[in-house]
Amino acid sequence: NPIGVPGRMNLGQILETHLGWAASRLGFRAVTPVFDGANEDEIAAELGRSWLVERAWR
């Protein structure tokens, strides 16, 4: 059931998913150690940067 998966994810997994999406769009590999990885502001910045890069290439 695909609807059940987001319901079982914790906040960290959701943030990691978004960071992975941004990293994929920007062409880099993100490594985030447990308790010492990217914070919400850094992830938001990368998501914004990936959005800008994606829009500029169109």
PDB file of N, CA and C in Angstrom:
ATOM      1  N   ASN A   1       0.841  -1.174   0.000  1.00  0.00           N
ATOM      2  CA  ASN A   1       0.000   0.000   0.000  1.00  0.00           C
ATOM      3  C   ASN A   1       0.892   1.246   0.000  1.00  0.00           C
ATOM      4  N   PRO A   2       1.012   1.962  -1.094  1.00  0.00           N
ATOM      5  CA  PRO A   2       1.904   3.127  -1.154  1.00  0.00           C
ATOM      6  C   PRO A   2       1.492   4.274  -0.245  1.00  0.00           C
ATOM      7  N   ILE A   3       0.242   4.371   0.115  1.00  0.00           N
ATOM      8  CA  ILE A   3      -0.195   5.450   0.993  1.00  0.00           C
ATOM      9  C   ILE A   3       0.323   5.230   2.410  1.00  0.00           C
ATOM     10  N   GLY A   4       0.552   3.978   2.787  1.00  0.00           N
ATOM     11  CA  GLY A   4       1.001   3.668   4.134  1.00  0.00           C
ATOM     12  C   GLY A   4       2.454   4.010   4.404  1.00  0.00           C
ATOM     13  N   VAL A   5       3.267   4.120   3.379  1.00  0.00           N
ATOM     14  CA  VAL A   5       4.697   4.372   3.583  1.00  0.00           C
ATOM     15  C   VAL A   5       4.954   5.740   4.214  1.00  0.00           C
ATOM     16  N   PRO A   6       4.429   6.849   3.683  1.00  0.00           N
ATOM     17  CA  PRO A   6       4.691   8.142   4.332  1.00  0.00           C
ATOM     18  C   PRO A   6       4.180   8.201   5.769  1.00  0.00           C
ATOM     19  N   GLY A   7       3.147   7.468   6.065  1.00  0.00           N
ATOM     20  CA  GLY A   7       2.612   7.470   7.421  1.00  0.00           C
ATOM     21  C   GLY A   7       3.539   6.822   8.427  1.00  0.00           C
ATOM     22  N   ARG A   8       4.447   5.968   7.959  1.00  0.00           N
ATOM     23  CA  ARG A   8       5.376   5.288   8.863  1.00  0.00           C
ATOM     24  C   ARG A   8       6.761   5.930   8.880  1.00  0.00           C
ATOM     25  N   MET A   9       6.972   6.955   8.081  1.00  0.00           N
ATOM     26  CA  MET A   9       8.277   7.613   8.041  1.00  0.00           C
ATOM     27  C   MET A   9       8.403   8.589   9.202  1.00  0.00           C
ATOM     28  N   ASN A  10       9.621   8.696   9.744  1.00  0.00           N
ATOM     29  CA  ASN A  10       9.840   9.716  10.767  1.00  0.00           C
ATOM     30  C   ASN A  10      10.381  10.983  10.102  1.00  0.00           C
ATOM     31  N   LEU A  11      10.488  12.040  10.855  1.00  0.00           N
ATOM     32  CA  LEU A  11      10.893  13.330  10.294  1.00  0.00           C
ATOM     33  C   LEU A  11      12.283  13.264   9.658  1.00  0.00           C
ATOM     34  N   GLY A  12      13.207  12.545  10.291  1.00  0.00           N
ATOM     35  CA  GLY A  12      14.556  12.423   9.741  1.00  0.00           C
ATOM     36  C   GLY A  12      14.561  11.768   8.370  1.00  0.00           C
ATOM     37  N   GLN A  13      13.745  10.746   8.191  1.00  0.00           N
ATOM     38  CA  GLN A  13      13.668  10.069   6.899  1.00  0.00           C
ATOM     39  C   GLN A  13      13.089  10.988   5.826  1.00  0.00           C
ATOM     40  N   ILE A  14      12.126  11.789   6.198  1.00  0.00           N
ATOM     41  CA  ILE A  14      11.536  12.724   5.238  1.00  0.00           C
ATOM     42  C   ILE A  14      12.562  13.781   4.829  1.00  0.00           C
ATOM     43  N   LEU A  15      13.326  14.296   5.792  1.00  0.00           N
ATOM     44  CA  LEU A  15      14.365  15.282   5.472  1.00  0.00           C
ATOM     45  C   LEU A  15      15.453  14.662   4.599  1.00  0.00           C
ATOM     46  N   GLU A  16      15.855  13.421   4.906  1.00  0.00           N
ATOM     47  CA  GLU A  16      16.867  12.742   4.097  1.00  0.00           C
ATOM     48  C   GLU A  16      16.374  12.521   2.674  1.00  0.00           C
ATOM     49  N   THR A  17      15.102  12.216   2.527  1.00  0.00           N
ATOM     50  CA  THR A  17      14.527  12.032   1.196  1.00  0.00           C
ATOM     51  C   THR A  17      14.613  13.323   0.391  1.00  0.00           C
ATOM     52  N   HIS A  18      14.285  14.438   1.011  1.00  0.00           N
ATOM     53  CA  HIS A  18      14.354  15.721   0.313  1.00  0.00           C
ATOM     54  C   HIS A  18      15.798  16.100  -0.013  1.00  0.00           C
ATOM     55  N   LEU A  19      16.720  15.835   0.898  1.00  0.00           N
ATOM     56  CA  LEU A  19      18.130  16.121   0.619  1.00  0.00           C
ATOM     57  C   LEU A  19      18.625  15.256  -0.538  1.00  0.00           C
ATOM     58  N   GLY A  20      18.222  13.996  -0.560  1.00  0.00           N
ATOM     59  CA  GLY A  20      18.606  13.110  -1.662  1.00  0.00           C
ATOM     60  C   GLY A  20      18.066  13.591  -2.996  1.00  0.00           C
ATOM     61  N   TRP A  21      16.849  14.101  -2.990  1.00  0.00           N
ATOM     62  CA  TRP A  21      16.260  14.623  -4.217  1.00  0.00           C
ATOM     63  C   TRP A  21      17.063  15.828  -4.717  1.00  0.00           C
ATOM     64  N   ALA A  22      17.385  16.737  -3.813  1.00  0.00           N
ATOM     65  CA  ALA A  22      18.162  17.918  -4.203  1.00  0.00           C
ATOM     66  C   ALA A  22      19.552  17.514  -4.682  1.00  0.00           C
ATOM     67  N   ALA A  23      20.191  16.585  -3.987  1.00  0.00           N
ATOM     68  CA  ALA A  23      21.527  16.131  -4.380  1.00  0.00           C
ATOM     69  C   ALA A  23      21.493  15.494  -5.761  1.00  0.00           C
ATOM     70  N   SER A  24      20.475  14.721  -6.028  1.00  0.00           N
ATOM     71  CA  SER A  24      20.338  14.094  -7.338  1.00  0.00           C
ATOM     72  C   SER A  24      20.183  15.141  -8.432  1.00  0.00           C
ATOM     73  N   ARG A  25      19.394  16.149  -8.184  1.00  0.00           N
ATOM     74  CA  ARG A  25      19.178  17.217  -9.168  1.00  0.00           C
ATOM     75  C   ARG A  25      20.448  18.028  -9.414  1.00  0.00           C
ATOM     76  N   LEU A  26      21.252  18.215  -8.352  1.00  0.00           N
ATOM     77  CA  LEU A  26      22.455  19.042  -8.469  1.00  0.00           C
ATOM     78  C   LEU A  26      23.695  18.231  -8.824  1.00  0.00           C
ATOM     79  N   GLY A  27      23.590  16.912  -8.802  1.00  0.00           N
ATOM     80  CA  GLY A  27      24.705  16.061  -9.207  1.00  0.00           C
ATOM     81  C   GLY A  27      25.765  15.850  -8.148  1.00  0.00           C
ATOM     82  N   PHE A  28      25.387  15.792  -6.874  1.00  0.00           N
ATOM     83  CA  PHE A  28      26.364  15.469  -5.843  1.00  0.00           C
ATOM     84  C   PHE A  28      25.815  14.395  -4.927  1.00  0.00           C
ATOM     85  N   ARG A  29      26.679  13.821  -4.139  1.00  0.00           N
ATOM     86  CA  ARG A  29      26.287  12.770  -3.207  1.00  0.00           C
ATOM     87  C   ARG A  29      26.315  13.344  -1.797  1.00  0.00           C
ATOM     88  N   ALA A  30      25.220  13.221  -1.090  1.00  0.00           N
ATOM     89  CA  ALA A  30      25.121  13.747   0.269  1.00  0.00           C
ATOM     90  C   ALA A  30      25.390  12.631   1.272  1.00  0.00           C
ATOM     91  N   VAL A  31      26.302  12.879   2.187  1.00  0.00           N
ATOM     92  CA  VAL A  31      26.596  11.939   3.264  1.00  0.00           C
ATOM     93  C   VAL A  31      26.283  12.661   4.563  1.00  0.00           C
ATOM     94  N   THR A  32      25.324  12.149   5.315  1.00  0.00           N
ATOM     95  CA  THR A  32      24.921  12.801   6.561  1.00  0.00           C
ATOM     96  C   THR A  32      25.010  11.813   7.706  1.00  0.00           C
ATOM     97  N   PRO A  33      26.030  11.928   8.543  1.00  0.00           N
ATOM     98  CA  PRO A  33      26.141  11.043   9.701  1.00  0.00           C
ATOM     99  C   PRO A  33      24.981  11.267  10.676  1.00  0.00           C
ATOM    100  N   VAL A  34      24.632  10.238  11.385  1.00  0.00           N
ATOM    101  CA  VAL A  34      23.548  10.325  12.360  1.00  0.00           C
ATOM    102  C   VAL A  34      23.898  11.363  13.422  1.00  0.00           C
ATOM    103  N   PHE A  35      22.981  12.222  13.750  1.00  0.00           N
ATOM    104  CA  PHE A  35      23.091  13.274  14.762  1.00  0.00           C
ATOM    105  C   PHE A  35      24.108  14.361  14.415  1.00  0.00           C
ATOM    106  N   ASP A  36      24.770  14.281  13.262  1.00  0.00           N
ATOM    107  CA  ASP A  36      25.744  15.308  12.888  1.00  0.00           C
ATOM    108  C   ASP A  36      25.652  15.604  11.393  1.00  0.00           C
ATOM    109  N   GLY A  37      24.484  15.465  10.833  1.00  0.00           N
ATOM    110  CA  GLY A  37      24.310  15.656   9.400  1.00  0.00           C
ATOM    111  C   GLY A  37      23.770  17.031   9.074  1.00  0.00           C
ATOM    112  N   ALA A  38      23.190  17.125   7.916  1.00  0.00           N
ATOM    113  CA  ALA A  38      22.622  18.391   7.459  1.00  0.00           C
ATOM    114  C   ALA A  38      21.403  18.752   8.303  1.00  0.00           C
ATOM    115  N   ASN A  39      21.287  20.029   8.616  1.00  0.00           N
ATOM    116  CA  ASN A  39      20.111  20.464   9.380  1.00  0.00           C
ATOM    117  C   ASN A  39      19.032  20.966   8.417  1.00  0.00           C
ATOM    118  N   GLU A  40      17.906  21.373   8.962  1.00  0.00           N
ATOM    119  CA  GLU A  40      16.771  21.777   8.134  1.00  0.00           C
ATOM    120  C   GLU A  40      17.099  22.970   7.243  1.00  0.00           C
ATOM    121  N   ASP A  41      17.873  23.912   7.756  1.00  0.00           N
ATOM    122  CA  ASP A  41      18.227  25.097   6.968  1.00  0.00           C
ATOM    123  C   ASP A  41      19.117  24.734   5.780  1.00  0.00           C
ATOM    124  N   GLU A  42      20.069  23.836   5.998  1.00  0.00           N
ATOM    125  CA  GLU A  42      20.950  23.409   4.908  1.00  0.00           C
ATOM    126  C   GLU A  42      20.169  22.649   3.839  1.00  0.00           C
ATOM    127  N   ILE A  43      19.250  21.802   4.273  1.00  0.00           N
ATOM    128  CA  ILE A  43      18.432  21.054   3.319  1.00  0.00           C
ATOM    129  C   ILE A  43      17.546  22.009   2.527  1.00  0.00           C
ATOM    130  N   ALA A  44      16.954  22.973   3.209  1.00  0.00           N
ATOM    131  CA  ALA A  44      16.109  23.959   2.522  1.00  0.00           C
ATOM    132  C   ALA A  44      16.920  24.758   1.508  1.00  0.00           C
ATOM    133  N   ALA A  45      18.155  25.099   1.856  1.00  0.00           N
ATOM    134  CA  ALA A  45      19.010  25.849   0.931  1.00  0.00           C
ATOM    135  C   ALA A  45      19.315  25.026  -0.315  1.00  0.00           C
ATOM    136  N   GLU A  46      19.612  23.746  -0.146  1.00  0.00           N
ATOM    137  CA  GLU A  46      19.907  22.885  -1.296  1.00  0.00           C
ATOM    138  C   GLU A  46      18.666  22.664  -2.153  1.00  0.00           C
ATOM    139  N   LEU A  47      17.510  22.530  -1.514  1.00  0.00           N
ATOM    140  CA  LEU A  47      16.270  22.401  -2.286  1.00  0.00           C
ATOM    141  C   LEU A  47      16.016  23.664  -3.101  1.00  0.00           C
ATOM    142  N   GLY A  48      16.247  24.817  -2.502  1.00  0.00           N
ATOM    143  CA  GLY A  48      16.085  26.073  -3.230  1.00  0.00           C
ATOM    144  C   GLY A  48      17.063  26.195  -4.378  1.00  0.00           C
ATOM    145  N   ARG A  49      18.296  25.798  -4.136  1.00  0.00           N
ATOM    146  CA  ARG A  49      19.316  25.859  -5.183  1.00  0.00           C
ATOM    147  C   ARG A  49      18.969  24.909  -6.329  1.00  0.00           C
ATOM    148  N   SER A  50      18.484  23.711  -5.997  1.00  0.00           N
ATOM    149  CA  SER A  50      18.125  22.761  -7.052  1.00  0.00           C
ATOM    150  C   SER A  50      16.939  23.274  -7.858  1.00  0.00           C
ATOM    151  N   TRP A  51      16.005  23.949  -7.200  1.00  0.00           N
ATOM    152  CA  TRP A  51      14.861  24.515  -7.909  1.00  0.00           C
ATOM    153  C   TRP A  51      15.324  25.602  -8.871  1.00  0.00           C
ATOM    154  N   LEU A  52      16.240  26.451  -8.412  1.00  0.00           N
ATOM    155  CA  LEU A  52      16.741  27.525  -9.271  1.00  0.00           C
ATOM    156  C   LEU A  52      17.510  26.966 -10.459  1.00  0.00           C
ATOM    157  N   VAL A  53      18.358  25.969 -10.213  1.00  0.00           N
ATOM    158  CA  VAL A  53      19.144  25.377 -11.290  1.00  0.00           C
ATOM    159  C   VAL A  53      18.223  24.709 -12.303  1.00  0.00           C
ATOM    160  N   GLU A  54      17.223  23.993 -11.808  1.00  0.00           N
ATOM    161  CA  GLU A  54      16.291  23.315 -12.710  1.00  0.00           C
ATOM    162  C   GLU A  54      15.543  24.320 -13.578  1.00  0.00           C
ATOM    163  N   ARG A  55      15.122  25.426 -13.012  1.00  0.00           N
ATOM    164  CA  ARG A  55      14.368  26.429 -13.768  1.00  0.00           C
ATOM    165  C   ARG A  55      15.272  27.175 -14.760  1.00  0.00           C
ATOM    166  N   ALA A  56      16.533  27.360 -14.422  1.00  0.00           N
ATOM    167  CA  ALA A  56      17.449  28.088 -15.298  1.00  0.00           C
ATOM    168  C   ALA A  56      17.797  27.275 -16.545  1.00  0.00           C
ATOM    169  N   TRP A  57      17.760  25.949 -16.453  1.00  0.00           N
ATOM    170  CA  TRP A  57      18.129  25.105 -17.592  1.00  0.00           C
ATOM    171  C   TRP A  57      17.001  24.935 -18.588  1.00  0.00           C
ATOM    172  N   ARG A  58      15.813  25.387 -18.268  1.00  0.00           N
ATOM    173  CA  ARG A  58      14.681  25.231 -19.200  1.00  0.00           C
ATOM    174  C   ARG A  58      14.694  26.287 -20.253  1.00  0.00           C
TER     175      ARG A  58
END
